Protein backbone atom coordinates (compact mmCIF):
# COMPACT_ATOMS: atom_id res chain seq x y z
CA MET A 1 75.63 51.66 108.96
CA ARG A 2 77.82 53.88 106.81
CA GLU A 3 81.03 53.12 104.69
CA ASN A 4 83.71 55.35 105.78
CA LYS A 5 85.31 57.44 102.51
CA ARG A 6 87.94 59.33 103.84
CA PHE A 7 91.72 58.39 103.00
CA THR A 8 94.45 56.94 105.09
CA LEU A 9 97.30 58.46 105.94
CA VAL A 10 99.44 56.13 103.93
CA GLU A 11 97.44 57.04 101.01
CA LEU A 12 97.74 60.98 101.40
CA ILE A 13 101.49 60.45 101.88
CA LEU A 14 101.87 57.93 98.53
CA ILE A 15 99.49 60.81 96.76
CA ILE A 16 102.25 63.82 98.20
CA VAL A 17 105.28 61.33 96.99
CA VAL A 18 103.85 60.44 93.64
CA VAL A 19 102.92 64.41 93.03
CA GLY A 20 106.52 65.49 94.49
CA ILE A 21 108.26 63.20 91.72
CA ALA A 22 106.10 63.87 88.61
CA LEU A 23 104.93 67.88 89.48
CA PRO A 24 108.94 69.26 88.50
CA PRO A 25 109.10 67.35 85.33
CA LEU A 26 106.16 69.29 84.56
CA ALA A 27 107.17 72.66 85.83
CA PHE A 28 110.53 71.80 83.65
CA VAL A 29 108.07 71.21 80.46
CA PHE A 30 105.57 74.80 81.45
CA TYR A 31 109.21 76.53 81.95
CA GLU A 32 110.88 75.46 78.38
CA GLY A 33 107.61 76.06 76.69
CA LEU A 34 107.64 79.37 77.65
CA GLN A 35 111.05 80.41 76.59
CA LYS A 36 110.44 78.66 73.89
CA SER A 37 107.18 81.65 73.12
CA THR A 38 109.17 84.36 74.24
CA ASP A 39 112.33 83.81 72.07
CA THR A 40 109.63 82.59 68.78
CA TYR A 41 107.91 86.77 69.95
CA LEU A 42 111.15 88.02 70.09
CA THR A 43 112.11 86.29 66.18
CA SER A 44 108.95 87.03 65.06
CA THR A 45 110.00 90.58 65.73
CA ALA A 46 113.15 91.06 64.34
CA ALA A 47 112.15 89.75 61.53
CA GLN A 48 109.09 92.50 61.53
CA LEU A 49 112.34 94.76 62.15
CA ALA A 50 114.26 94.04 59.11
CA ASN A 51 112.09 94.01 56.04
CA SER A 52 110.48 97.13 57.35
CA MET A 53 113.89 98.02 56.76
CA MET A 54 114.31 96.15 53.02
CA GLU A 55 111.08 97.38 51.62
CA GLU A 56 112.41 100.94 53.07
CA ILE A 57 115.14 100.08 50.71
CA ARG A 58 113.57 99.23 48.13
CA THR A 59 111.46 102.41 47.87
CA ARG A 60 114.69 103.88 46.62
CA LYS A 61 117.19 104.42 43.80
CA TRP A 62 119.66 101.36 42.61
CA ASP A 63 122.04 104.34 42.24
CA GLU A 64 122.44 108.20 43.01
CA LYS A 65 122.83 108.15 38.92
CA THR A 66 119.36 106.44 38.36
CA PRO A 67 116.70 109.01 36.50
CA ASP A 68 114.07 110.01 38.65
CA GLU A 69 111.97 108.68 36.43
CA GLY A 70 113.53 105.65 36.46
CA GLY A 71 115.09 103.18 33.90
CA LYS A 72 118.98 101.83 33.92
CA ALA A 73 121.83 103.94 35.80
CA ALA A 74 124.43 105.60 33.85
CA GLU A 75 127.70 103.84 34.63
CA PRO A 76 130.08 104.50 36.66
CA TYR A 77 128.05 103.45 39.40
CA SER A 78 128.46 105.50 42.68
CA VAL A 79 130.99 104.43 45.23
CA ILE A 80 128.85 102.70 47.54
CA GLY A 81 128.10 104.68 51.35
CA THR A 82 126.50 107.93 51.46
CA ASP A 83 127.04 111.44 49.59
CA PRO A 84 128.53 114.52 51.30
CA SER A 85 124.32 115.69 51.55
CA GLU A 86 122.92 113.23 52.98
CA THR A 87 123.11 112.68 56.93
CA THR A 88 120.28 111.09 57.37
CA ARG A 89 117.68 108.20 56.49
CA PRO A 90 114.81 111.04 54.72
CA THR A 91 117.33 112.49 52.86
CA TYR A 92 118.66 108.96 51.25
CA ASN A 93 117.64 108.66 47.78
CA ASP A 94 119.41 105.54 46.48
CA ILE A 95 119.72 102.22 48.52
CA ASP A 96 123.68 101.95 48.85
CA ASP A 97 122.98 104.98 51.06
CA TYR A 98 122.40 102.91 53.70
CA ASP A 99 125.25 100.90 54.15
CA HIS A 100 126.27 102.77 57.06
CA ILE A 101 123.67 101.32 59.13
CA SER A 102 125.93 99.31 61.60
CA ASN A 103 124.97 97.94 65.12
CA GLN A 104 122.11 100.49 65.31
CA SER A 105 120.14 99.97 69.05
CA PRO A 106 117.96 100.75 69.10
CA PRO A 107 116.59 100.73 65.70
CA HIS A 108 115.58 103.82 64.22
CA ASP A 109 112.30 104.59 62.02
CA ALA A 110 112.76 106.44 58.09
CA LEU A 111 112.92 109.71 60.06
CA ASP A 112 115.56 108.78 61.25
CA GLN A 113 114.43 108.60 65.53
CA PRO A 114 115.67 105.82 67.51
CA ILE A 115 112.48 103.80 68.70
CA PRO A 116 112.75 102.86 72.54
CA GLU A 117 110.66 100.69 72.66
CA PHE A 118 112.28 98.15 70.83
CA SER A 119 115.96 98.86 72.69
CA GLY A 120 116.82 95.24 72.76
CA TYR A 121 117.33 94.46 69.24
CA THR A 122 120.43 95.95 67.05
CA ARG A 123 120.03 96.34 63.57
CA SER A 124 122.94 96.56 60.29
CA VAL A 125 122.17 97.50 56.93
CA ASP A 126 125.39 95.86 54.28
CA VAL A 127 125.38 96.94 50.97
CA GLU A 128 127.96 95.67 47.82
CA TYR A 129 128.64 95.06 43.94
CA VAL A 130 127.96 91.50 43.55
CA ASP A 131 128.73 89.52 40.70
CA CYS A 132 126.91 86.56 39.39
CA VAL A 133 128.61 83.81 38.15
CA GLY A 134 127.50 81.11 37.77
CA GLY A 135 124.39 81.31 39.06
CA VAL A 136 125.80 81.43 42.28
CA PHE A 137 126.30 85.63 43.35
CA VAL A 138 129.98 86.55 44.80
CA THR A 139 131.85 90.30 45.75
CA ALA A 140 132.36 91.57 42.96
CA GLY A 141 135.91 93.16 42.21
CA GLY A 142 134.60 97.44 41.77
CA THR A 143 131.13 98.09 39.93
CA SER A 144 128.64 95.70 39.03
CA ASP A 145 125.00 96.02 37.63
CA HIS A 146 123.22 93.89 40.79
CA LYS A 147 124.18 95.12 44.38
CA GLN A 148 123.38 92.97 47.26
CA VAL A 149 121.63 94.27 50.74
CA THR A 150 121.59 92.42 53.87
CA VAL A 151 119.73 93.36 56.94
CA THR A 152 120.82 92.02 59.17
CA VAL A 153 118.63 92.07 63.06
CA SER A 154 120.42 90.48 66.93
CA CYS A 155 118.30 90.27 69.77
CA ALA A 156 118.32 87.96 72.22
CA ALA A 157 117.04 84.78 70.90
CA GLY A 158 119.59 85.12 68.16
CA SER A 159 119.54 86.37 65.40
CA VAL A 160 117.92 87.68 61.81
CA GLY A 161 118.90 87.95 58.65
CA LEU A 162 117.24 89.50 55.08
CA VAL A 163 119.52 89.37 52.26
CA SER A 164 118.21 90.84 48.15
CA ILE A 165 119.75 90.99 44.84
CA PHE A 166 118.83 94.46 43.26
CA SER A 167 119.64 95.30 39.81
CA ASN A 168 120.90 98.22 36.97
CA TYR A 169 118.21 97.56 34.48
């Protein structure tokens, strides 16, 4: 005689109840993981956009008065900001020319063209003279031998900021 290997109605109902109780928390865990993965991607892209801007700024002279072959800029130092002949990024020749970039969305490339693929991102640059006081850089009252550049990129997942100190030497 063959043994009957089927589920009873009670066993099927019990399985449905257990799966119904266990599935929502599992779905929530998967959703949270997916959300964190998206946030990580957005934040990583924001960091890359901030880094690319900072690297571009690093290729420029410290000040308008820095000799083309390098070396220390002569005092008095230039005022932070672009000079009249510098209207687009390809014409920027020193780091403080980038100071006016504020809430640029989408971010622009080195040729000052918008990058539509990054329309969900906003990029800003702040440049200021700083002094080293007690091992800490603070905003200078005027010009100094140090400039602090802050690049901030914001997206739906938050903001990423990079800070660099550039010294006149």
